[in-house]
Each structure stands twice: as structure tokens, then as C-alpha cells.
Amino acid sequence: MLEAPGKIEPCFFEEHIPASLADLSVEIQREAANLGQGLLPDSAAELADQVRVMNCYYSNLIEGHNTCARDIERALVGAELEAETRPLALEARAHVIVQRLIDKMHREGNLPRPTSVSFLTLNSP
């Protein structure tokens, strides 16, 4: 069977977490906090935008929307798109633009709760 609920359920430790694993998880969190600390702001911004495109690509792929990263990037700069790739590329463009907005709001400290009405109706007419 290819689909099974257990594949998407969280993985929990039985009883106690071994001390070595708990220590390792703390170390990973500490080191992850240091990622990107040495990057120049322009480099960090460019890397963040590349990750947004990558996340969009994989998110769309999961939904069965096979859009090339190249087409997403072309849509973002307003380049001419082929008729067959245009609808999905424009959908992906919107995805990246919304993620940019969410990231900006977070950086500025004014991101509403994702389940709030103010977030869900953001920029709506």
C-alpha cells in the first residue's frame, strides 16, 4: 500500500529520549541559529529568494503542478512565458510574492497570527 496514515503522523520516542539524542538535538538547534550569521545582507537576501523559489517548486510539485524553477524565475521578472507553462508559472510567481510579503512582515515584527482574520484577509479588497 503506497498511502498510509502512519507516513504523515509525527514520530514520537517511546518512553524516554536517550540523553545522547537529546544533547544532539540541542547542539543542532544551537548550530542552526548560527547559520547565515556571516553572510552579507545582500547575499542573505539573494539566498532567501532562492530558497523561496525552491520551496515553491517543491510545494507545487507535491500538488502535481510540475513547474520548472526556470519558469518560476522568469515569471518573477516578468519575462515572456510559453503558453503551456504560463498559468502554473504565474501561480508560482504569486506563491513567491506572498512568501516575500510574509517574510518581510516577520522581519519587521508585524506578522499577525497565521490563523487570524487580519492575516487571512491581508491585502484583500
N, C-alpha and C. Protein backbone atom coordinates (compact mmCIF):
# COMPACT_ATOMS: atom_id res chain seq x y z
N MET A 1 0.84 -1.17 0.00
CA MET A 1 0.00 0.00 0.00
C MET A 1 0.89 1.25 0.00
N LEU A 2 0.70 2.14 -0.97
CA LEU A 2 1.53 3.33 -1.07
C LEU A 2 1.13 4.41 -0.07
N GLU A 3 -0.14 4.55 0.19
CA GLU A 3 -0.63 5.59 1.10
C GLU A 3 -0.97 4.96 2.44
N ALA A 4 -0.43 5.53 3.49
CA ALA A 4 -0.74 5.04 4.83
C ALA A 4 -0.69 6.21 5.80
N PRO A 5 -1.70 6.37 6.67
CA PRO A 5 -1.71 7.49 7.60
C PRO A 5 -0.45 7.59 8.45
N GLY A 6 0.15 6.47 8.77
CA GLY A 6 1.35 6.48 9.60
C GLY A 6 2.51 7.23 8.97
N LYS A 7 2.49 7.38 7.65
CA LYS A 7 3.58 8.08 6.98
C LYS A 7 3.58 9.58 7.25
N ILE A 8 2.44 10.13 7.66
CA ILE A 8 2.39 11.57 7.91
C ILE A 8 2.20 11.91 9.38
N GLU A 9 2.09 10.91 10.22
CA GLU A 9 1.96 11.16 11.65
C GLU A 9 3.31 11.50 12.25
N PRO A 10 3.32 12.34 13.27
CA PRO A 10 4.62 12.67 13.89
C PRO A 10 5.26 11.44 14.52
N CYS A 11 6.56 11.46 14.56
CA CYS A 11 7.31 10.37 15.16
C CYS A 11 7.61 10.73 16.61
N PHE A 12 7.21 9.88 17.51
CA PHE A 12 7.45 10.12 18.94
C PHE A 12 8.37 9.04 19.48
N PHE A 13 9.17 9.43 20.49
CA PHE A 13 10.01 8.45 21.16
C PHE A 13 9.15 7.67 22.14
N GLU A 14 9.42 6.42 22.23
CA GLU A 14 8.77 5.58 23.23
C GLU A 14 9.44 5.88 24.57
N GLU A 15 8.65 6.10 25.58
CA GLU A 15 9.15 6.32 26.94
C GLU A 15 10.10 7.52 27.04
N HIS A 16 11.41 7.27 27.09
CA HIS A 16 12.38 8.33 27.33
C HIS A 16 13.25 8.57 26.11
N ILE A 17 13.67 9.81 25.97
CA ILE A 17 14.60 10.15 24.90
C ILE A 17 16.01 9.85 25.42
N PRO A 18 16.79 9.08 24.69
CA PRO A 18 18.17 8.84 25.12
C PRO A 18 18.91 10.17 25.27
N ALA A 19 19.69 10.30 26.31
CA ALA A 19 20.42 11.54 26.59
C ALA A 19 21.27 11.97 25.41
N SER A 20 21.88 11.03 24.73
CA SER A 20 22.75 11.39 23.60
C SER A 20 21.95 12.06 22.48
N LEU A 21 20.71 11.59 22.26
CA LEU A 21 19.87 12.20 21.22
C LEU A 21 19.36 13.57 21.67
N ALA A 22 19.01 13.70 22.92
CA ALA A 22 18.56 14.99 23.44
C ALA A 22 19.70 16.02 23.34
N ASP A 23 20.91 15.62 23.69
CA ASP A 23 22.08 16.52 23.60
C ASP A 23 22.34 16.91 22.15
N LEU A 24 22.21 15.94 21.26
CA LEU A 24 22.44 16.20 19.84
C LEU A 24 21.40 17.18 19.29
N SER A 25 20.16 17.04 19.71
CA SER A 25 19.12 17.95 19.21
C SER A 25 19.38 19.38 19.69
N VAL A 26 19.85 19.54 20.91
CA VAL A 26 20.19 20.87 21.43
C VAL A 26 21.36 21.45 20.64
N GLU A 27 22.35 20.62 20.35
CA GLU A 27 23.51 21.08 19.58
C GLU A 27 23.10 21.49 18.16
N ILE A 28 22.23 20.74 17.55
CA ILE A 28 21.74 21.07 16.20
C ILE A 28 21.00 22.40 16.22
N GLN A 29 20.16 22.61 17.21
CA GLN A 29 19.43 23.88 17.33
C GLN A 29 20.40 25.05 17.51
N ARG A 30 21.40 24.86 18.34
CA ARG A 30 22.38 25.92 18.60
C ARG A 30 23.15 26.26 17.32
N GLU A 31 23.59 25.24 16.62
CA GLU A 31 24.35 25.47 15.38
C GLU A 31 23.46 26.06 14.29
N ALA A 32 22.20 25.65 14.22
CA ALA A 32 21.28 26.18 13.23
C ALA A 32 21.06 27.67 13.43
N ALA A 33 21.08 28.11 14.68
CA ALA A 33 20.90 29.53 14.98
C ALA A 33 22.06 30.35 14.42
N ASN A 34 23.21 29.71 14.24
CA ASN A 34 24.39 30.42 13.71
C ASN A 34 24.44 30.43 12.19
N LEU A 35 23.60 29.65 11.54
CA LEU A 35 23.61 29.61 10.08
C LEU A 35 23.33 30.99 9.52
N GLY A 36 24.10 31.39 8.58
CA GLY A 36 23.87 32.65 7.91
C GLY A 36 24.39 33.87 8.65
N GLN A 37 24.93 33.70 9.85
CA GLN A 37 25.41 34.85 10.63
C GLN A 37 26.52 35.62 9.92
N GLY A 38 27.33 34.92 9.14
CA GLY A 38 28.45 35.58 8.48
C GLY A 38 28.13 36.09 7.09
N LEU A 39 26.90 35.91 6.65
CA LEU A 39 26.53 36.35 5.30
C LEU A 39 26.31 37.86 5.27
N LEU A 40 26.73 38.47 4.18
CA LEU A 40 26.41 39.88 3.96
C LEU A 40 24.92 40.00 3.70
N PRO A 41 24.30 41.11 4.06
CA PRO A 41 22.85 41.25 3.89
C PRO A 41 22.36 40.97 2.46
N ASP A 42 23.09 41.45 1.45
CA ASP A 42 22.67 41.20 0.06
C ASP A 42 22.74 39.70 -0.27
N SER A 43 23.78 39.03 0.23
CA SER A 43 23.91 37.59 -0.01
C SER A 43 22.80 36.82 0.69
N ALA A 44 22.50 37.22 1.91
CA ALA A 44 21.43 36.55 2.66
C ALA A 44 20.08 36.75 1.96
N ALA A 45 19.84 37.95 1.45
CA ALA A 45 18.58 38.24 0.75
C ALA A 45 18.47 37.40 -0.53
N GLU A 46 19.57 37.29 -1.27
CA GLU A 46 19.57 36.50 -2.51
C GLU A 46 19.35 35.02 -2.19
N LEU A 47 20.01 34.53 -1.16
CA LEU A 47 19.83 33.14 -0.75
C LEU A 47 18.39 32.89 -0.32
N ALA A 48 17.82 33.81 0.44
CA ALA A 48 16.42 33.67 0.88
C ALA A 48 15.49 33.61 -0.31
N ASP A 49 15.73 34.42 -1.33
CA ASP A 49 14.86 34.40 -2.50
C ASP A 49 15.00 33.08 -3.27
N GLN A 50 16.21 32.55 -3.34
CA GLN A 50 16.42 31.26 -4.00
C GLN A 50 15.69 30.15 -3.24
N VAL A 51 15.71 30.21 -1.92
CA VAL A 51 15.01 29.21 -1.11
C VAL A 51 13.50 29.34 -1.31
N ARG A 52 12.99 30.56 -1.45
CA ARG A 52 11.55 30.74 -1.72
C ARG A 52 11.16 30.07 -3.03
N VAL A 53 11.98 30.25 -4.06
CA VAL A 53 11.71 29.62 -5.36
C VAL A 53 11.76 28.10 -5.22
N MET A 54 12.76 27.60 -4.49
CA MET A 54 12.88 26.15 -4.29
C MET A 54 11.67 25.61 -3.53
N ASN A 55 11.25 26.31 -2.46
CA ASN A 55 10.09 25.87 -1.69
C ASN A 55 8.84 25.88 -2.55
N CYS A 56 8.69 26.91 -3.36
CA CYS A 56 7.54 27.00 -4.26
C CYS A 56 7.55 25.83 -5.25
N TYR A 57 8.70 25.56 -5.84
CA TYR A 57 8.83 24.47 -6.80
C TYR A 57 8.38 23.14 -6.18
N TYR A 58 8.92 22.83 -5.01
CA TYR A 58 8.58 21.56 -4.37
C TYR A 58 7.15 21.52 -3.87
N SER A 59 6.65 22.62 -3.36
CA SER A 59 5.26 22.69 -2.92
C SER A 59 4.32 22.43 -4.09
N ASN A 60 4.60 23.07 -5.22
CA ASN A 60 3.77 22.86 -6.40
C ASN A 60 3.90 21.44 -6.92
N LEU A 61 5.10 20.90 -6.87
CA LEU A 61 5.32 19.52 -7.33
C LEU A 61 4.49 18.54 -6.50
N ILE A 62 4.43 18.77 -5.19
CA ILE A 62 3.62 17.92 -4.31
C ILE A 62 2.16 17.95 -4.74
N GLU A 63 1.71 19.13 -5.21
CA GLU A 63 0.33 19.29 -5.65
C GLU A 63 0.10 18.81 -7.07
N GLY A 64 1.15 18.28 -7.71
CA GLY A 64 1.02 17.80 -9.07
C GLY A 64 1.21 18.88 -10.12
N HIS A 65 1.69 20.06 -9.70
CA HIS A 65 1.94 21.16 -10.62
C HIS A 65 3.43 21.18 -10.95
N ASN A 66 3.78 20.63 -12.07
CA ASN A 66 5.19 20.49 -12.44
C ASN A 66 5.65 21.76 -13.17
N THR A 67 6.15 22.70 -12.41
CA THR A 67 6.65 23.96 -12.94
C THR A 67 8.15 24.01 -12.74
N CYS A 68 8.90 24.29 -13.78
CA CYS A 68 10.35 24.37 -13.68
C CYS A 68 10.75 25.62 -12.90
N ALA A 69 11.82 25.51 -12.13
CA ALA A 69 12.33 26.66 -11.39
C ALA A 69 12.66 27.80 -12.35
N ARG A 70 13.15 27.46 -13.53
CA ARG A 70 13.46 28.46 -14.54
C ARG A 70 12.22 29.27 -14.91
N ASP A 71 11.07 28.57 -15.06
CA ASP A 71 9.82 29.27 -15.39
C ASP A 71 9.34 30.15 -14.24
N ILE A 72 9.54 29.69 -13.01
CA ILE A 72 9.17 30.49 -11.84
C ILE A 72 10.01 31.77 -11.82
N GLU A 73 11.31 31.63 -12.03
CA GLU A 73 12.19 32.79 -12.03
C GLU A 73 11.86 33.74 -13.18
N ARG A 74 11.53 33.21 -14.34
CA ARG A 74 11.15 34.05 -15.49
C ARG A 74 9.86 34.81 -15.18
N ALA A 75 8.90 34.14 -14.55
CA ALA A 75 7.65 34.80 -14.20
C ALA A 75 7.89 35.92 -13.19
N LEU A 76 8.82 35.71 -12.27
CA LEU A 76 9.12 36.72 -11.25
C LEU A 76 9.70 38.01 -11.84
N VAL A 77 10.41 37.90 -12.95
CA VAL A 77 10.99 39.10 -13.57
C VAL A 77 10.14 39.62 -14.72
N GLY A 78 8.98 38.99 -14.95
CA GLY A 78 8.07 39.47 -15.98
C GLY A 78 8.46 39.09 -17.39
N ALA A 79 9.28 38.06 -17.53
CA ALA A 79 9.70 37.62 -18.86
C ALA A 79 8.55 36.93 -19.59
N GLU A 80 8.69 36.85 -20.88
CA GLU A 80 7.69 36.17 -21.71
C GLU A 80 7.69 34.67 -21.36
N LEU A 81 6.49 34.12 -21.23
CA LEU A 81 6.35 32.70 -20.87
C LEU A 81 5.64 31.96 -21.98
N GLU A 82 6.01 30.71 -22.16
CA GLU A 82 5.33 29.89 -23.17
C GLU A 82 3.90 29.64 -22.71
N ALA A 83 2.99 29.54 -23.67
CA ALA A 83 1.55 29.42 -23.37
C ALA A 83 1.25 28.24 -22.45
N GLU A 84 1.92 27.11 -22.66
CA GLU A 84 1.60 25.93 -21.85
C GLU A 84 2.14 26.00 -20.42
N THR A 85 3.17 26.79 -20.20
CA THR A 85 3.72 26.89 -18.85
C THR A 85 3.23 28.14 -18.11
N ARG A 86 2.62 29.06 -18.83
CA ARG A 86 2.23 30.36 -18.26
C ARG A 86 1.33 30.26 -17.04
N PRO A 87 0.22 29.52 -17.06
CA PRO A 87 -0.68 29.50 -15.89
C PRO A 87 0.01 29.03 -14.60
N LEU A 88 0.76 27.94 -14.68
CA LEU A 88 1.42 27.43 -13.48
C LEU A 88 2.57 28.33 -13.05
N ALA A 89 3.26 28.93 -14.01
CA ALA A 89 4.35 29.84 -13.66
C ALA A 89 3.81 31.09 -12.96
N LEU A 90 2.67 31.59 -13.41
CA LEU A 90 2.07 32.76 -12.77
C LEU A 90 1.54 32.42 -11.38
N GLU A 91 1.01 31.20 -11.23
CA GLU A 91 0.59 30.75 -9.90
C GLU A 91 1.79 30.68 -8.96
N ALA A 92 2.90 30.14 -9.47
CA ALA A 92 4.13 30.04 -8.67
C ALA A 92 4.66 31.43 -8.33
N ARG A 93 4.58 32.35 -9.27
CA ARG A 93 5.01 33.73 -9.03
C ARG A 93 4.24 34.33 -7.86
N ALA A 94 2.92 34.12 -7.85
CA ALA A 94 2.10 34.63 -6.75
C ALA A 94 2.52 34.00 -5.43
N HIS A 95 2.82 32.71 -5.45
CA HIS A 95 3.27 31.99 -4.26
C HIS A 95 4.52 32.66 -3.68
N VAL A 96 5.50 32.93 -4.53
CA VAL A 96 6.77 33.52 -4.08
C VAL A 96 6.54 34.95 -3.57
N ILE A 97 5.71 35.71 -4.27
CA ILE A 97 5.44 37.09 -3.85
C ILE A 97 4.77 37.13 -2.48
N VAL A 98 3.83 36.23 -2.25
CA VAL A 98 3.17 36.17 -0.94
C VAL A 98 4.17 35.76 0.13
N GLN A 99 5.05 34.82 -0.17
CA GLN A 99 6.05 34.41 0.81
C GLN A 99 7.01 35.55 1.12
N ARG A 100 7.37 36.34 0.11
CA ARG A 100 8.21 37.52 0.35
C ARG A 100 7.53 38.47 1.33
N LEU A 101 6.24 38.69 1.12
CA LEU A 101 5.48 39.59 1.99
C LEU A 101 5.45 39.07 3.43
N ILE A 102 5.19 37.77 3.56
CA ILE A 102 5.15 37.17 4.90
C ILE A 102 6.51 37.30 5.58
N ASP A 103 7.58 37.02 4.84
CA ASP A 103 8.92 37.13 5.41
C ASP A 103 9.24 38.57 5.82
N LYS A 104 8.84 39.54 5.01
CA LYS A 104 9.07 40.95 5.32
C LYS A 104 8.33 41.35 6.59
N MET A 105 7.07 40.94 6.70
CA MET A 105 6.28 41.25 7.88
C MET A 105 6.92 40.63 9.13
N HIS A 106 7.43 39.42 9.00
CA HIS A 106 8.09 38.76 10.12
C HIS A 106 9.35 39.52 10.53
N ARG A 107 10.17 39.90 9.55
CA ARG A 107 11.40 40.65 9.87
C ARG A 107 11.08 41.96 10.58
N GLU A 108 9.99 42.60 10.17
CA GLU A 108 9.60 43.89 10.75
C GLU A 108 8.84 43.75 12.06
N GLY A 109 8.54 42.50 12.44
CA GLY A 109 7.86 42.24 13.71
C GLY A 109 6.38 42.54 13.69
N ASN A 110 5.75 42.57 12.52
CA ASN A 110 4.31 42.83 12.46
C ASN A 110 3.54 41.75 11.71
N LEU A 111 3.99 40.52 11.84
CA LEU A 111 3.29 39.40 11.21
C LEU A 111 2.16 38.94 12.13
N PRO A 112 0.90 39.03 11.67
CA PRO A 112 -0.21 38.54 12.51
C PRO A 112 -0.16 37.02 12.64
N ARG A 113 -0.92 36.50 13.59
CA ARG A 113 -1.04 35.04 13.70
C ARG A 113 -1.57 34.49 12.37
N PRO A 114 -1.02 33.40 11.86
CA PRO A 114 -1.45 32.86 10.58
C PRO A 114 -2.92 32.44 10.53
N THR A 115 -3.53 32.24 11.68
CA THR A 115 -4.94 31.84 11.71
C THR A 115 -5.87 33.01 11.98
N SER A 116 -5.32 34.21 12.10
CA SER A 116 -6.15 35.37 12.41
C SER A 116 -6.85 35.90 11.16
N VAL A 117 -7.97 36.57 11.38
CA VAL A 117 -8.70 37.18 10.25
C VAL A 117 -7.83 38.21 9.57
N SER A 118 -7.08 38.98 10.34
CA SER A 118 -6.24 40.02 9.74
C SER A 118 -5.17 39.43 8.81
N PHE A 119 -4.65 38.27 9.13
CA PHE A 119 -3.69 37.61 8.26
C PHE A 119 -4.37 37.03 7.02
N LEU A 120 -5.47 36.34 7.25
CA LEU A 120 -6.16 35.67 6.14
C LEU A 120 -6.77 36.65 5.13
N THR A 121 -7.04 37.87 5.58
CA THR A 121 -7.64 38.86 4.67
C THR A 121 -6.65 39.94 4.28
N LEU A 122 -5.37 39.68 4.51
CA LEU A 122 -4.32 40.62 4.18
C LEU A 122 -4.41 41.04 2.72
N ASN A 123 -4.38 42.32 2.47
CA ASN A 123 -4.41 42.88 1.12
C ASN A 123 -5.63 42.46 0.31
N SER A 124 -6.69 42.07 0.96
CA SER A 124 -7.89 41.72 0.20
C SER A 124 -8.73 42.97 0.03
N PRO A 125 -9.50 43.05 -1.07
CA PRO A 125 -10.31 44.25 -1.32
C PRO A 125 -11.43 44.40 -0.30
